[in-house]
């Protein structure tokens, strides 16, 4: 793959064989994220588990102390009694069957997070085929199926993110923007890494975190210690 001049210049600053401390890595990220737009910063964690086994699944959610830097659009499936509370908490959309039909008939996806009260899961369950592949299906473990929809909305708006393994046993999550300070990025990194460690399955054997790599949208990968 041919790389641009900006990328190649940034890559010269990164030692490929070195595993950086989180403090070193954040400083280096700031130096290598040189695009004209505000690049996203992502953390990629390879785990020593096998996602094919139910007892080795890793999934959860965490509120990043400094948010993601992205405006989050929240859709809430709830009854009329909770609709006002959801909207007051900052939900962009709140309702029931009418929203489900809009998704099904209009292929509407102008939202980033879906929250549902337990009584609405009969409606939401019908959307599994379209919400599931996009990672939008509400889930109790992630706190997105809850009777307290207002609290869930506030957490999502404040920077709550979900994490889960992909088929290659890797977690991919945003931890902020290039415009964040190194200290803000490090705080978010530690919050996410702490949550991943906390979610370690009892069935996991051997080395849990195989590797962790930080990268800006257009920048080189930076290996970072999985410790917190």
Protein backbone atom coordinates (compact mmCIF):
# COMPACT_ATOMS: atom_id res chain seq x y z
CA UNK A 1 0.00 0.00 0.00
CA UNK A 2 1.43 3.34 -1.05
CA UNK A 3 1.69 5.86 1.79
CA UNK A 4 1.66 9.63 1.54
CA UNK A 5 4.56 11.90 2.43
CA UNK A 6 2.86 13.10 5.63
CA UNK A 7 2.39 9.51 6.85
CA UNK A 8 5.98 8.52 6.03
CA UNK A 9 7.33 11.52 7.92
CA UNK A 10 5.20 10.64 10.95
CA UNK A 11 6.23 6.97 10.78
CA UNK A 12 9.90 7.94 11.12
CA UNK A 13 9.17 9.10 14.68
CA UNK A 14 7.83 5.69 15.75
CA UNK A 15 10.12 2.79 16.73
CA UNK A 16 8.32 -0.30 15.42
CA UNK A 17 9.91 -2.71 17.90
CA UNK A 18 9.32 -0.52 20.95
CA UNK A 19 6.40 -0.87 23.34
CA UNK A 20 5.75 2.62 24.69
CA UNK A 21 4.34 3.60 28.06
CA UNK A 22 0.92 5.27 27.86
CA UNK A 23 2.47 8.67 28.62
CA UNK A 24 5.09 8.27 25.87
CA UNK A 25 2.48 7.01 23.42
CA UNK A 26 0.12 9.97 23.93
CA UNK A 27 2.95 12.45 23.40
CA UNK A 28 3.94 10.61 20.21
CA UNK A 29 0.33 10.54 19.00
CA UNK A 30 0.18 14.31 19.24
CA UNK A 31 3.35 14.55 17.13
CA UNK A 32 2.20 12.10 14.45
CA UNK A 33 -1.43 13.29 13.99
CA UNK A 34 -0.60 16.04 11.51
CA UNK A 35 -3.58 16.07 9.14
CA UNK A 36 -5.54 19.26 8.54
CA UNK A 37 -8.71 17.73 10.03
CA UNK A 38 -9.23 16.64 13.65
CA UNK A 39 -8.23 12.98 13.43
CA UNK A 40 -9.87 10.34 15.61
CA UNK A 41 -7.62 8.39 17.96
CA UNK A 42 -8.37 4.68 18.22
CA UNK A 43 -7.12 1.91 20.48
CA UNK A 44 -6.87 -1.63 19.09
CA UNK A 45 -6.45 -4.39 21.70
CA UNK A 46 -5.67 -8.00 20.74
CA UNK A 47 -6.75 -10.41 23.47
CA UNK A 48 -5.58 -13.90 24.29
CA UNK A 49 -9.09 -15.35 24.28
CA UNK A 50 -11.20 -17.20 21.71
CA UNK A 51 -14.45 -15.38 20.90
CA UNK A 52 -15.90 -18.59 19.44
CA UNK A 53 -16.42 -19.82 23.00
CA UNK A 54 -19.30 -18.29 24.96
CA UNK A 55 -17.31 -18.30 28.22
CA UNK A 56 -14.49 -16.26 26.63
CA UNK A 57 -16.57 -13.38 25.29
CA UNK A 58 -15.39 -9.91 26.29
CA UNK A 59 -17.97 -7.17 26.18
CA UNK A 60 -18.79 -4.10 28.20
CA UNK A 61 -19.08 -0.34 28.31
CA UNK A 62 -17.24 2.53 29.94
CA UNK A 63 -17.73 6.28 30.24
CA UNK A 64 -14.59 8.01 28.97
CA UNK A 65 -13.75 10.86 31.37
CA UNK A 66 -13.12 13.27 28.50
CA UNK A 67 -15.66 11.92 26.02
CA UNK A 68 -14.88 10.88 22.45
CA UNK A 69 -14.92 14.34 20.89
CA UNK A 70 -17.83 13.28 18.73
CA UNK A 71 -21.42 14.49 18.99
CA UNK A 72 -23.42 11.37 19.81
CA UNK A 73 -26.96 11.00 18.45
CA UNK A 74 -29.11 8.87 20.74
CA UNK A 75 -32.27 6.97 19.84
CA UNK A 76 -34.45 5.66 22.69
CA UNK A 77 -37.16 3.05 22.38
CA UNK A 78 -39.52 3.59 25.30
CA UNK A 79 -43.17 3.96 26.25
CA UNK A 80 -44.92 7.33 26.40
CA UNK A 81 -44.31 7.63 30.17
CA UNK A 82 -40.52 7.55 29.71
CA UNK A 83 -40.44 9.57 26.50
CA UNK A 84 -40.39 12.96 28.25
CA UNK A 85 -37.59 11.88 30.61
CA UNK A 86 -35.52 10.55 27.71
CA UNK A 87 -35.93 13.77 25.73
CA UNK A 88 -35.15 15.91 28.78
CA UNK A 89 -31.94 13.92 29.30
CA UNK A 90 -30.84 14.77 25.76
CA UNK A 91 -32.18 11.97 23.56
CA UNK A 92 -32.32 13.01 19.91
CA UNK A 93 -35.17 10.64 19.18
CA UNK A 94 -37.58 8.83 21.53
CA UNK A 95 -40.58 6.67 20.74
CA UNK A 96 -41.80 3.19 19.97
CA UNK A 97 -43.21 1.33 17.00
CA UNK A 98 -43.16 4.41 14.74
CA UNK A 99 -39.37 4.59 15.01
CA UNK A 100 -38.98 0.87 14.37
CA UNK A 101 -41.07 1.20 11.22
CA UNK A 102 -39.01 4.19 10.09
CA UNK A 103 -35.85 2.08 10.36
CA UNK A 104 -37.42 -0.86 8.53
CA UNK A 105 -39.20 1.03 5.76
CA UNK A 106 -36.86 3.98 5.18
CA UNK A 107 -33.50 2.39 6.05
CA UNK A 108 -33.09 5.24 8.54
CA UNK A 109 -29.93 5.26 10.65
CA UNK A 110 -29.36 8.87 11.71
CA UNK A 111 -28.21 7.83 15.19
CA UNK A 112 -25.10 6.45 16.89
CA UNK A 113 -26.51 4.73 20.00
CA UNK A 114 -29.76 2.84 20.62
CA UNK A 115 -31.18 2.57 24.14
CA UNK A 116 -34.32 0.64 25.07
CA UNK A 117 -36.47 0.16 28.15
CA UNK A 118 -37.01 -3.57 28.90
CA UNK A 119 -40.69 -3.46 27.95
CA UNK A 120 -39.77 -2.33 24.41
CA UNK A 121 -37.46 -5.25 23.60
CA UNK A 122 -40.30 -7.07 21.84
CA UNK A 123 -40.34 -4.23 19.32
CA UNK A 124 -36.56 -3.80 19.19
CA UNK A 125 -35.98 -7.54 18.81
CA UNK A 126 -37.53 -7.41 15.34
CA UNK A 127 -34.75 -5.03 14.31
CA UNK A 128 -31.95 -7.42 15.25
CA UNK A 129 -31.05 -8.21 11.66
CA UNK A 130 -30.44 -4.55 10.81
CA UNK A 131 -29.17 -3.18 14.14
CA UNK A 132 -26.95 -6.17 15.02
CA UNK A 133 -24.48 -5.95 12.10
CA UNK A 134 -24.06 -2.22 12.77
CA UNK A 135 -23.29 -2.81 16.45
CA UNK A 136 -26.40 -0.87 17.45
CA UNK A 137 -28.49 -3.56 19.13
CA UNK A 138 -29.26 -2.63 22.76
CA UNK A 139 -27.76 -4.98 25.33
CA UNK A 140 -28.16 -5.23 29.12
CA UNK A 141 -24.41 -5.84 29.61
CA UNK A 142 -23.65 -2.55 27.92
CA UNK A 143 -26.31 -0.74 29.94
CA UNK A 144 -28.36 0.09 26.85
CA UNK A 145 -31.35 -2.02 27.95
CA UNK A 146 -32.46 -0.35 31.17
CA UNK A 147 -35.56 1.03 32.91
CA UNK A 148 -33.55 4.20 33.65
CA UNK A 149 -33.34 5.44 30.08
CA UNK A 150 -32.59 9.02 31.19
CA UNK A 151 -29.39 7.93 32.96
CA UNK A 152 -28.34 5.86 29.94
CA UNK A 153 -28.88 8.84 27.63
CA UNK A 154 -26.78 11.13 29.84
CA UNK A 155 -23.94 8.58 29.96
CA UNK A 156 -23.97 8.14 26.18
CA UNK A 157 -23.87 11.88 25.65
CA UNK A 158 -21.04 12.18 28.18
CA UNK A 159 -18.83 9.75 26.26
CA UNK A 160 -19.92 6.24 27.11
CA UNK A 161 -18.60 3.72 24.62
CA UNK A 162 -19.20 0.01 24.16
CA UNK A 163 -16.42 -2.48 23.49
CA UNK A 164 -16.62 -6.04 22.21
CA UNK A 165 -14.42 -8.60 20.48
CA UNK A 166 -14.48 -8.98 16.73
CA UNK A 167 -13.95 -12.34 15.02
CA UNK A 168 -10.17 -11.87 15.19
CA UNK A 169 -10.32 -11.39 19.00
CA UNK A 170 -9.55 -7.68 18.72
CA UNK A 171 -11.34 -4.75 20.36
CA UNK A 172 -11.43 -1.51 18.38
CA UNK A 173 -12.50 1.67 20.22
CA UNK A 174 -12.15 5.45 19.86
CA UNK A 175 -10.53 7.23 22.80
CA UNK A 176 -10.72 10.81 21.56
CA UNK A 177 -9.51 13.27 18.96
CA UNK A 178 -6.11 14.62 17.97
CA UNK A 179 -7.18 18.00 19.38
CA UNK A 180 -7.34 16.49 22.89
CA UNK A 181 -4.39 17.08 25.20
CA UNK A 182 -2.04 14.18 25.84
CA UNK A 183 -3.37 14.09 29.41
CA UNK A 184 -7.00 13.81 28.24
CA UNK A 185 -6.13 10.99 25.84
CA UNK A 186 -4.20 9.14 28.54
CA UNK A 187 -7.11 9.41 30.99
CA UNK A 188 -9.48 7.99 28.38
CA UNK A 189 -6.99 5.23 27.49
CA UNK A 190 -6.66 4.18 31.12
CA UNK A 191 -10.44 4.17 31.61
CA UNK A 192 -10.97 1.91 28.59
CA UNK A 193 -8.05 -0.39 29.37
CA UNK A 194 -9.20 -0.68 32.98
CA UNK A 195 -12.67 -1.71 31.82
CA UNK A 196 -11.23 -4.33 29.46
CA UNK A 197 -9.12 -5.79 32.27
CA UNK A 198 -12.20 -5.82 34.53
CA UNK A 199 -14.13 -7.73 31.84
CA UNK A 200 -11.54 -10.52 31.70
CA UNK A 201 -13.41 -13.85 31.51
CA UNK A 202 -12.73 -16.44 34.21
CA UNK A 203 -12.07 -18.95 31.41
CA UNK A 204 -9.24 -16.86 29.92
CA UNK A 205 -5.88 -18.63 30.21
CA UNK A 206 -2.34 -17.39 29.62
CA UNK A 207 -1.58 -13.85 28.48
CA UNK A 208 -4.82 -11.83 28.43
CA UNK A 209 -3.70 -8.74 26.53
CA UNK A 210 -1.50 -9.85 23.64
CA UNK A 211 -0.91 -6.37 22.21
CA UNK A 212 -2.32 -2.85 22.20
CA UNK A 213 -1.85 -0.32 19.41
CA UNK A 214 -2.85 3.33 19.28
CA UNK A 215 -3.31 5.17 15.99
CA UNK A 216 -4.69 8.40 14.63
CA UNK A 217 -6.93 8.17 11.55
CA UNK A 218 -4.10 8.97 9.13
CA UNK A 219 -1.14 8.13 11.35
CA UNK A 220 1.09 5.11 12.04
CA UNK A 221 0.33 2.54 14.73
CA UNK A 222 2.05 3.00 18.09
CA UNK A 223 2.49 -0.08 20.29
CA UNK A 224 1.60 0.64 23.88
CA UNK A 225 1.87 -1.30 27.11
CA UNK A 226 -1.40 -2.93 28.09
CA UNK A 227 -0.78 -2.06 31.71
CA UNK A 228 -2.65 0.69 33.57
